[in-house]
PDB file of N, CA and C in Angstrom:
ATOM      1  N   MET A   1     102.187-218.320  45.685  1.00  0.00           N
ATOM      2  CA  MET A   1     102.992-219.484  45.405  1.00  0.00           C
ATOM      3  C   MET A   1     104.290-219.388  46.191  1.00  0.00           C
ATOM      4  N   GLY A   2     104.678-220.490  46.772  1.00  0.00           N
ATOM      5  CA  GLY A   2     105.915-220.506  47.546  1.00  0.00           C
ATOM      6  C   GLY A   2     105.818-219.627  48.778  1.00  0.00           C
ATOM      7  N   CYS A   3     104.719-219.738  49.520  1.00  0.00           N
ATOM      8  CA  CYS A   3     104.466-218.834  50.645  1.00  0.00           C
ATOM      9  C   CYS A   3     105.319-219.122  51.875  1.00  0.00           C
ATOM     10  N   ALA A   4     106.011-220.264  51.897  1.00  0.00           N
ATOM     11  CA  ALA A   4     106.821-220.653  53.067  1.00  0.00           C
ATOM     12  C   ALA A   4     105.946-220.616  54.320  1.00  0.00           C
ATOM     13  N   VAL A   5     106.349-219.882  55.357  1.00  0.00           N
ATOM     14  CA  VAL A   5     105.559-219.853  56.596  1.00  0.00           C
ATOM     15  C   VAL A   5     104.552-218.703  56.614  1.00  0.00           C
ATOM     16  N   GLY A   6     104.330-218.058  55.475  1.00  0.00           N
ATOM     17  CA  GLY A   6     103.217-217.126  55.331  1.00  0.00           C
ATOM     18  C   GLY A   6     103.508-215.652  55.446  1.00  0.00           C
ATOM     19  N   GLY A   7     104.758-215.247  55.482  1.00  0.00           N
ATOM     20  CA  GLY A   7     105.080-213.832  55.663  1.00  0.00           C
ATOM     21  C   GLY A   7     104.366-212.899  54.700  1.00  0.00           C
ATOM     22  N   ALA A   8     104.534-213.133  53.413  1.00  0.00           N
ATOM     23  CA  ALA A   8     103.899-212.269  52.408  1.00  0.00           C
ATOM     24  C   ALA A   8     102.385-212.430  52.420  1.00  0.00           C
ATOM     25  N   THR A   9     101.912-213.644  52.668  1.00  0.00           N
ATOM     26  CA  THR A   9     100.469-213.895  52.720  1.00  0.00           C
ATOM     27  C   THR A   9      99.835-213.063  53.834  1.00  0.00           C
ATOM     28  N   PHE A  10     100.429-213.104  55.018  1.00  0.00           N
ATOM     29  CA  PHE A  10      99.900-212.308  56.133  1.00  0.00           C
ATOM     30  C   PHE A  10      99.983-210.814  55.830  1.00  0.00           C
ATOM     31  N   HIS A  11     101.079-210.369  55.222  1.00  0.00           N
ATOM     32  CA  HIS A  11     101.229-208.950  54.881  1.00  0.00           C
ATOM     33  C   HIS A  11     100.112-208.487  53.950  1.00  0.00           C
ATOM     34  N   LEU A  12      99.751-209.319  52.979  1.00  0.00           N
ATOM     35  CA  LEU A  12      98.705-208.943  52.025  1.00  0.00           C
ATOM     36  C   LEU A  12      97.326-208.827  52.658  1.00  0.00           C
ATOM     37  N   THR A  13      97.124-209.406  53.862  1.00  0.00           N
ATOM     38  CA  THR A  13      95.818-209.284  54.519  1.00  0.00           C
ATOM     39  C   THR A  13      95.526-207.850  54.960  1.00  0.00           C
ATOM     40  N   LYS A  14      96.529-206.987  54.940  1.00  0.00           N
ATOM     41  CA  LYS A  14      96.285-205.568  55.235  1.00  0.00           C
ATOM     42  C   LYS A  14      95.507-204.907  54.108  1.00  0.00           C
ATOM     43  N   TYR A  15      95.575-205.482  52.913  1.00  0.00           N
ATOM     44  CA  TYR A  15      95.012-204.851  51.726  1.00  0.00           C
ATOM     45  C   TYR A  15      93.887-205.637  51.053  1.00  0.00           C
ATOM     46  N   TYR A  16      93.818-206.953  51.356  1.00  0.00           N
ATOM     47  CA  TYR A  16      92.824-207.818  50.707  1.00  0.00           C
ATOM     48  C   TYR A  16      92.068-208.629  51.748  1.00  0.00           C
ATOM     49  N   SER A  17      90.808-208.909  51.476  1.00  0.00           N
ATOM     50  CA  SER A  17      89.970-209.616  52.449  1.00  0.00           C
ATOM     51  C   SER A  17      90.161-211.130  52.423  1.00  0.00           C
ATOM     52  N   ASN A  18      90.771-211.660  51.361  1.00  0.00           N
ATOM     53  CA  ASN A  18      90.949-213.094  51.240  1.00  0.00           C
ATOM     54  C   ASN A  18      92.257-213.358  50.499  1.00  0.00           C
ATOM     55  N   VAL A  19      93.226-213.949  51.184  1.00  0.00           N
ATOM     56  CA  VAL A  19      94.541-214.201  50.593  1.00  0.00           C
ATOM     57  C   VAL A  19      94.863-215.688  50.751  1.00  0.00           C
ATOM     58  N   LEU A  20      95.290-216.322  49.662  1.00  0.00           N
ATOM     59  CA  LEU A  20      95.632-217.738  49.684  1.00  0.00           C
ATOM     60  C   LEU A  20      97.134-217.909  49.503  1.00  0.00           C
ATOM     61  N   GLY A  21      97.766-218.570  50.471  1.00  0.00           N
ATOM     62  CA  GLY A  21      99.182-218.915  50.375  1.00  0.00           C
ATOM     63  C   GLY A  21      99.307-220.402  50.094  1.00  0.00           C
ATOM     64  N   ILE A  22     100.115-220.755  49.093  1.00  0.00           N
ATOM     65  CA  ILE A  22     100.313-222.161  48.717  1.00  0.00           C
ATOM     66  C   ILE A  22     101.808-222.461  48.763  1.00  0.00           C
ATOM     67  N   ASP A  23     102.158-223.599  49.332  1.00  0.00           N
ATOM     68  CA  ASP A  23     103.545-224.045  49.324  1.00  0.00           C
ATOM     69  C   ASP A  23     103.577-225.556  49.157  1.00  0.00           C
ATOM     70  N   PHE A  24     104.634-226.053  48.557  1.00  0.00           N
ATOM     71  CA  PHE A  24     104.796-227.491  48.354  1.00  0.00           C
ATOM     72  C   PHE A  24     105.105-228.203  49.668  1.00  0.00           C
ATOM     73  N   SER A  25     105.727-227.476  50.617  1.00  0.00           N
ATOM     74  CA  SER A  25     106.155-228.065  51.883  1.00  0.00           C
ATOM     75  C   SER A  25     105.018-228.100  52.909  1.00  0.00           C
ATOM     76  N   GLY A  26     104.656-229.309  53.312  1.00  0.00           N
ATOM     77  CA  GLY A  26     103.646-229.454  54.360  1.00  0.00           C
ATOM     78  C   GLY A  26     104.099-228.867  55.674  1.00  0.00           C
ATOM     79  N   ALA A  27     105.398-228.947  55.977  1.00  0.00           N
ATOM     80  CA  ALA A  27     105.929-228.386  57.228  1.00  0.00           C
ATOM     81  C   ALA A  27     105.783-226.866  57.237  1.00  0.00           C
ATOM     82  N   PHE A  28     106.006-226.209  56.088  1.00  0.00           N
ATOM     83  CA  PHE A  28     105.823-224.759  56.018  1.00  0.00           C
ATOM     84  C   PHE A  28     104.357-224.387  56.227  1.00  0.00           C
ATOM     85  N   ILE A  29     103.451-225.136  55.626  1.00  0.00           N
ATOM     86  CA  ILE A  29     102.025-224.849  55.776  1.00  0.00           C
ATOM     87  C   ILE A  29     101.599-225.050  57.230  1.00  0.00           C
ATOM     88  N   GLU A  30     102.071-226.106  57.876  1.00  0.00           N
ATOM     89  CA  GLU A  30     101.764-226.330  59.295  1.00  0.00           C
ATOM     90  C   GLU A  30     102.272-225.168  60.142  1.00  0.00           C
ATOM     91  N   ALA A  31     103.471-224.675  59.863  1.00  0.00           N
ATOM     92  CA  ALA A  31     104.019-223.538  60.604  1.00  0.00           C
ATOM     93  C   ALA A  31     103.177-222.286  60.370  1.00  0.00           C
ATOM     94  N   ALA A  32     102.757-222.049  59.118  1.00  0.00           N
ATOM     95  CA  ALA A  32     101.918-220.881  58.808  1.00  0.00           C
ATOM     96  C   ALA A  32     100.596-220.943  59.567  1.00  0.00           C
ATOM     97  N   LEU A  33     100.005-222.125  59.631  1.00  0.00           N
ATOM     98  CA  LEU A  33      98.742-222.280  60.357  1.00  0.00           C
ATOM     99  C   LEU A  33      98.936-222.057  61.855  1.00  0.00           C
ATOM    100  N   ASP A  34     100.066-222.494  62.395  1.00  0.00           N
ATOM    101  CA  ASP A  34     100.377-222.262  63.804  1.00  0.00           C
ATOM    102  C   ASP A  34     100.557-220.771  64.079  1.00  0.00           C
ATOM    103  N   ILE A  35     101.261-220.081  63.189  1.00  0.00           N
ATOM    104  CA  ILE A  35     101.444-218.632  63.326  1.00  0.00           C
ATOM    105  C   ILE A  35     100.095-217.924  63.230  1.00  0.00           C
ATOM    106  N   GLN A  36      99.229-218.401  62.352  1.00  0.00           N
ATOM    107  CA  GLN A  36      97.904-217.805  62.187  1.00  0.00           C
ATOM    108  C   GLN A  36      97.111-217.864  63.491  1.00  0.00           C
ATOM    109  N   VAL A  37      97.185-218.972  64.191  1.00  0.00           N
ATOM    110  CA  VAL A  37      96.428-219.164  65.437  1.00  0.00           C
ATOM    111  C   VAL A  37      97.077-218.428  66.607  1.00  0.00           C
ATOM    112  N   ASN A  38      98.396-218.549  66.727  1.00  0.00           N
ATOM    113  CA  ASN A  38      99.097-218.037  67.910  1.00  0.00           C
ATOM    114  C   ASN A  38      99.769-216.682  67.719  1.00  0.00           C
ATOM    115  N   ARG A  39      99.762-216.164  66.483  1.00  0.00           N
ATOM    116  CA  ARG A  39     100.373-214.889  66.109  1.00  0.00           C
ATOM    117  C   ARG A  39     101.888-214.863  66.237  1.00  0.00           C
ATOM    118  N   SER A  40     102.497-215.965  66.665  1.00  0.00           N
ATOM    119  CA  SER A  40     103.957-216.045  66.690  1.00  0.00           C
ATOM    120  C   SER A  40     104.385-217.507  66.776  1.00  0.00           C
ATOM    121  N   LYS A  41     105.659-217.745  66.457  1.00  0.00           N
ATOM    122  CA  LYS A  41     106.202-219.102  66.523  1.00  0.00           C
ATOM    123  C   LYS A  41     107.723-219.004  66.553  1.00  0.00           C
ATOM    124  N   THR A  42     108.342-219.837  67.363  1.00  0.00           N
ATOM    125  CA  THR A  42     109.789-219.944  67.367  1.00  0.00           C
ATOM    126  C   THR A  42     110.192-221.021  66.366  1.00  0.00           C
ATOM    127  N   LEU A  43     111.069-220.648  65.456  1.00  0.00           N
ATOM    128  CA  LEU A  43     111.519-221.551  64.403  1.00  0.00           C
ATOM    129  C   LEU A  43     113.033-221.697  64.457  1.00  0.00           C
ATOM    130  N   GLN A  44     113.537-222.796  63.946  1.00  0.00           N
ATOM    131  CA  GLN A  44     114.974-222.959  63.760  1.00  0.00           C
ATOM    132  C   GLN A  44     115.265-222.836  62.279  1.00  0.00           C
ATOM    133  N   ILE A  45     116.188-221.943  61.951  1.00  0.00           N
ATOM    134  CA  ILE A  45     116.563-221.778  60.550  1.00  0.00           C
ATOM    135  C   ILE A  45     118.029-222.164  60.380  1.00  0.00           C
ATOM    136  N   LEU A  46     118.372-222.617  59.193  1.00  0.00           N
ATOM    137  CA  LEU A  46     119.731-223.004  58.881  1.00  0.00           C
ATOM    138  C   LEU A  46     120.555-221.744  58.646  1.00  0.00           C
ATOM    139  N   LYS A  47     121.592-221.559  59.480  1.00  0.00           N
ATOM    140  CA  LYS A  47     122.441-220.378  59.347  1.00  0.00           C
ATOM    141  C   LYS A  47     123.561-220.649  58.345  1.00  0.00           C
ATOM    142  N   GLU A  48     124.311-221.722  58.552  1.00  0.00           N
ATOM    143  CA  GLU A  48     125.322-222.175  57.593  1.00  0.00           C
ATOM    144  C   GLU A  48     125.753-223.581  57.971  1.00  0.00           C
ATOM    145  N   GLY A  49     126.102-224.363  56.973  1.00  0.00           N
ATOM    146  CA  GLY A  49     126.485-225.750  57.235  1.00  0.00           C
ATOM    147  C   GLY A  49     125.376-226.466  57.984  1.00  0.00           C
ATOM    148  N   LYS A  50     125.698-226.963  59.174  1.00  0.00           N
ATOM    149  CA  LYS A  50     124.706-227.621  60.024  1.00  0.00           C
ATOM    150  C   LYS A  50     124.313-226.748  61.214  1.00  0.00           C
ATOM    151  N   LEU A  51     124.744-225.498  61.220  1.00  0.00           N
ATOM    152  CA  LEU A  51     124.487-224.572  62.320  1.00  0.00           C
ATOM    153  C   LEU A  51     123.081-223.989  62.201  1.00  0.00           C
ATOM    154  N   LEU A  52     122.276-224.210  63.240  1.00  0.00           N
ATOM    155  CA  LEU A  52     120.902-223.698  63.271  1.00  0.00           C
ATOM    156  C   LEU A  52     120.809-222.496  64.188  1.00  0.00           C
ATOM    157  N   GLU A  53     119.857-221.633  63.907  1.00  0.00           N
ATOM    158  CA  GLU A  53     119.620-220.455  64.723  1.00  0.00           C
ATOM    159  C   GLU A  53     118.128-220.370  65.031  1.00  0.00           C
ATOM    160  N   LYS A  54     117.790-220.101  66.303  1.00  0.00           N
ATOM    161  CA  LYS A  54     116.389-219.927  66.677  1.00  0.00           C
ATOM    162  C   LYS A  54     115.968-218.495  66.406  1.00  0.00           C
ATOM    163  N   VAL A  55     114.806-218.349  65.767  1.00  0.00           N
ATOM    164  CA  VAL A  55     114.234-217.025  65.508  1.00  0.00           C
ATOM    165  C   VAL A  55     112.757-217.061  65.898  1.00  0.00           C
ATOM    166  N   VAL A  56     112.262-215.931  66.327  1.00  0.00           N
ATOM    167  CA  VAL A  56     110.839-215.812  66.638  1.00  0.00           C
ATOM    168  C   VAL A  56     110.180-215.035  65.512  1.00  0.00           C
ATOM    169  N   VAL A  57     109.175-215.652  64.916  1.00  0.00           N
ATOM    170  CA  VAL A  57     108.386-215.018  63.869  1.00  0.00           C
ATOM    171  C   VAL A  57     107.093-214.548  64.530  1.00  0.00           C
ATOM    172  N   ALA A  58     106.801-213.257  64.415  1.00  0.00           N
ATOM    173  CA  ALA A  58     105.591-212.711  65.040  1.00  0.00           C
ATOM    174  C   ALA A  58     104.851-211.828  64.045  1.00  0.00           C
ATOM    175  N   LEU A  59     103.530-211.901  64.087  1.00  0.00           N
ATOM    176  CA  LEU A  59     102.712-211.084  63.193  1.00  0.00           C
ATOM    177  C   LEU A  59     102.626-209.659  63.718  1.00  0.00           C
ATOM    178  N   PRO A  60     102.739-208.673  62.842  1.00  0.00           N
ATOM    179  CA  PRO A  60     102.519-207.292  63.257  1.00  0.00           C
ATOM    180  C   PRO A  60     101.039-207.075  63.598  1.00  0.00           C
ATOM    181  N   ASP A  61     100.761-206.053  64.376  1.00  0.00           N
ATOM    182  CA  ASP A  61      99.388-205.785  64.815  1.00  0.00           C
ATOM    183  C   ASP A  61      98.451-205.409  63.671  1.00  0.00           C
ATOM    184  N   ASP A  62      98.992-204.889  62.560  1.00  0.00           N
ATOM    185  CA  ASP A  62      98.130-204.378  61.496  1.00  0.00           C
ATOM    186  C   ASP A  62      97.735-205.415  60.443  1.00  0.00           C
ATOM    187  N   VAL A  63      98.010-206.709  60.690  1.00  0.00           N
ATOM    188  CA  VAL A  63      97.545-207.740  59.766  1.00  0.00           C
ATOM    189  C   VAL A  63      96.357-208.466  60.385  1.00  0.00           C
ATOM    190  N   ASP A  64      95.526-209.041  59.537  1.00  0.00           N
ATOM    191  CA  ASP A  64      94.366-209.809  59.998  1.00  0.00           C
ATOM    192  C   ASP A  64      94.556-211.264  59.582  1.00  0.00           C
ATOM    193  N   PRO A  65      95.072-212.106  60.491  1.00  0.00           N
ATOM    194  CA  PRO A  65      95.377-213.486  60.117  1.00  0.00           C
ATOM    195  C   PRO A  65      94.158-214.296  59.687  1.00  0.00           C
ATOM    196  N   LEU A  66      92.958-213.849  60.046  1.00  0.00           N
ATOM    197  CA  LEU A  66      91.753-214.579  59.641  1.00  0.00           C
ATOM    198  C   LEU A  66      91.440-214.397  58.156  1.00  0.00           C
ATOM    199  N   ARG A  67      92.070-213.432  57.521  1.00  0.00           N
ATOM    200  CA  ARG A  67      91.903-213.235  56.077  1.00  0.00           C
ATOM    201  C   ARG A  67      92.825-214.140  55.267  1.00  0.00           C
ATOM    202  N   ALA A  68      93.774-214.803  55.945  1.00  0.00           N
ATOM    203  CA  ALA A  68      94.741-215.671  55.270  1.00  0.00           C
ATOM    204  C   ALA A  68      94.252-217.113  55.268  1.00  0.00           C
ATOM    205  N   HIS A  69      94.518-217.791  54.179  1.00  0.00           N
ATOM    206  CA  HIS A  69      94.193-219.211  54.039  1.00  0.00           C
ATOM    207  C   HIS A  69      95.429-219.883  53.442  1.00  0.00           C
ATOM    208  N   PHE A  70      95.670-221.109  53.851  1.00  0.00           N
ATOM    209  CA  PHE A  70      96.874-221.804  53.412  1.00  0.00           C
ATOM    210  C   PHE A  70      96.532-223.183  52.880  1.00  0.00           C
ATOM    211  N   SER A  71      97.297-223.598  51.871  1.00  0.00           N
ATOM    212  CA  SER A  71      97.085-224.899  51.266  1.00  0.00           C
ATOM    213  C   SER A  71      98.420-225.453  50.783  1.00  0.00           C
ATOM    214  N   GLN A  72      98.610-226.741  50.975  1.00  0.00           N
ATOM    215  CA  GLN A  72      99.784-227.392  50.419  1.00  0.00           C
ATOM    216  C   GLN A  72      99.479-227.713  48.968  1.00  0.00           C
ATOM    217  N   GLY A  73     100.407-227.397  48.085  1.00  0.00           N
ATOM    218  CA  GLY A  73     100.150-227.665  46.684  1.00  0.00           C
ATOM    219  C   GLY A  73     101.378-227.524  45.814  1.00  0.00           C
ATOM    220  N   ASP A  74     101.250-227.999  44.613  1.00  0.00           N
ATOM    221  CA  ASP A  74     102.306-227.979  43.616  1.00  0.00           C
ATOM    222  C   ASP A  74     102.008-226.873  42.607  1.00  0.00           C
ATOM    223  N   ALA A  75     102.921-225.933  42.438  1.00  0.00           N
ATOM    224  CA  ALA A  75     102.722-224.805  41.520  1.00  0.00           C
ATOM    225  C   ALA A  75     102.495-225.258  40.083  1.00  0.00           C
ATOM    226  N   CYS A  76     102.967-226.447  39.742  1.00  0.00           N
ATOM    227  CA  CYS A  76     102.799-226.963  38.381  1.00  0.00           C
ATOM    228  C   CYS A  76     101.541-227.790  38.208  1.00  0.00           C
ATOM    229  N   ASN A  77     100.762-227.937  39.299  1.00  0.00           N
ATOM    230  CA  ASN A  77      99.550-228.747  39.233  1.00  0.00           C
ATOM    231  C   ASN A  77      98.507-228.188  40.211  1.00  0.00           C
ATOM    232  N   LEU A  78      98.095-226.961  39.968  1.00  0.00           N
ATOM    233  CA  LEU A  78      97.142-226.304  40.874  1.00  0.00           C
ATOM    234  C   LEU A  78      95.718-226.767  40.597  1.00  0.00           C
ATOM    235  N   PRO A  79      94.895-226.853  41.654  1.00  0.00           N
ATOM    236  CA  PRO A  79      93.493-227.209  41.446  1.00  0.00           C
ATOM    237  C   PRO A  79      92.752-226.073  40.739  1.00  0.00           C
ATOM    238  N   GLN A  80      91.846-226.404  39.825  1.00  0.00           N
ATOM    239  CA  GLN A  80      91.108-225.407  39.053  1.00  0.00           C
ATOM    240  C   GLN A  80      90.228-224.514  39.922  1.00  0.00           C
ATOM    241  N   GLU A  81      89.744-225.033  41.058  1.00  0.00           N
ATOM    242  CA  GLU A  81      88.800-224.279  41.884  1.00  0.00           C
ATOM    243  C   GLU A  81      89.406-223.065  42.576  1.00  0.00           C
ATOM    244  N   ILE A  82      90.728-222.897  42.555  1.00  0.00           N
ATOM    245  CA  ILE A  82      91.289-221.705  43.209  1.00  0.00           C
ATOM    246  C   ILE A  82      91.222-220.469  42.318  1.00  0.00           C
ATOM    247  N   GLY A  83      90.835-220.653  41.076  1.00  0.00           N
ATOM    248  CA  GLY A  83      90.632-219.505  40.193  1.00  0.00           C
ATOM    249  C   GLY A  83      91.822-219.152  39.352  1.00  0.00           C
TER     250      GLY A  83
END
């Protein structure tokens, strides 16, 4: 829940064969899917006020992005089929 761009979700793929990351933000899920395919992505994050900073998010070699799955969803209204 609240996976943002997938950091913890990708980390858990070192230990589990199937990991589901859910976030309410469609933009975060799109970024996570892009990172999954390309193993990295340049993002702009809010530093303070209106000041943005570019950062590169890259997957470490020891994660398996194919074990990660992402879905946009509401933590207060999850679909029953996810278990």
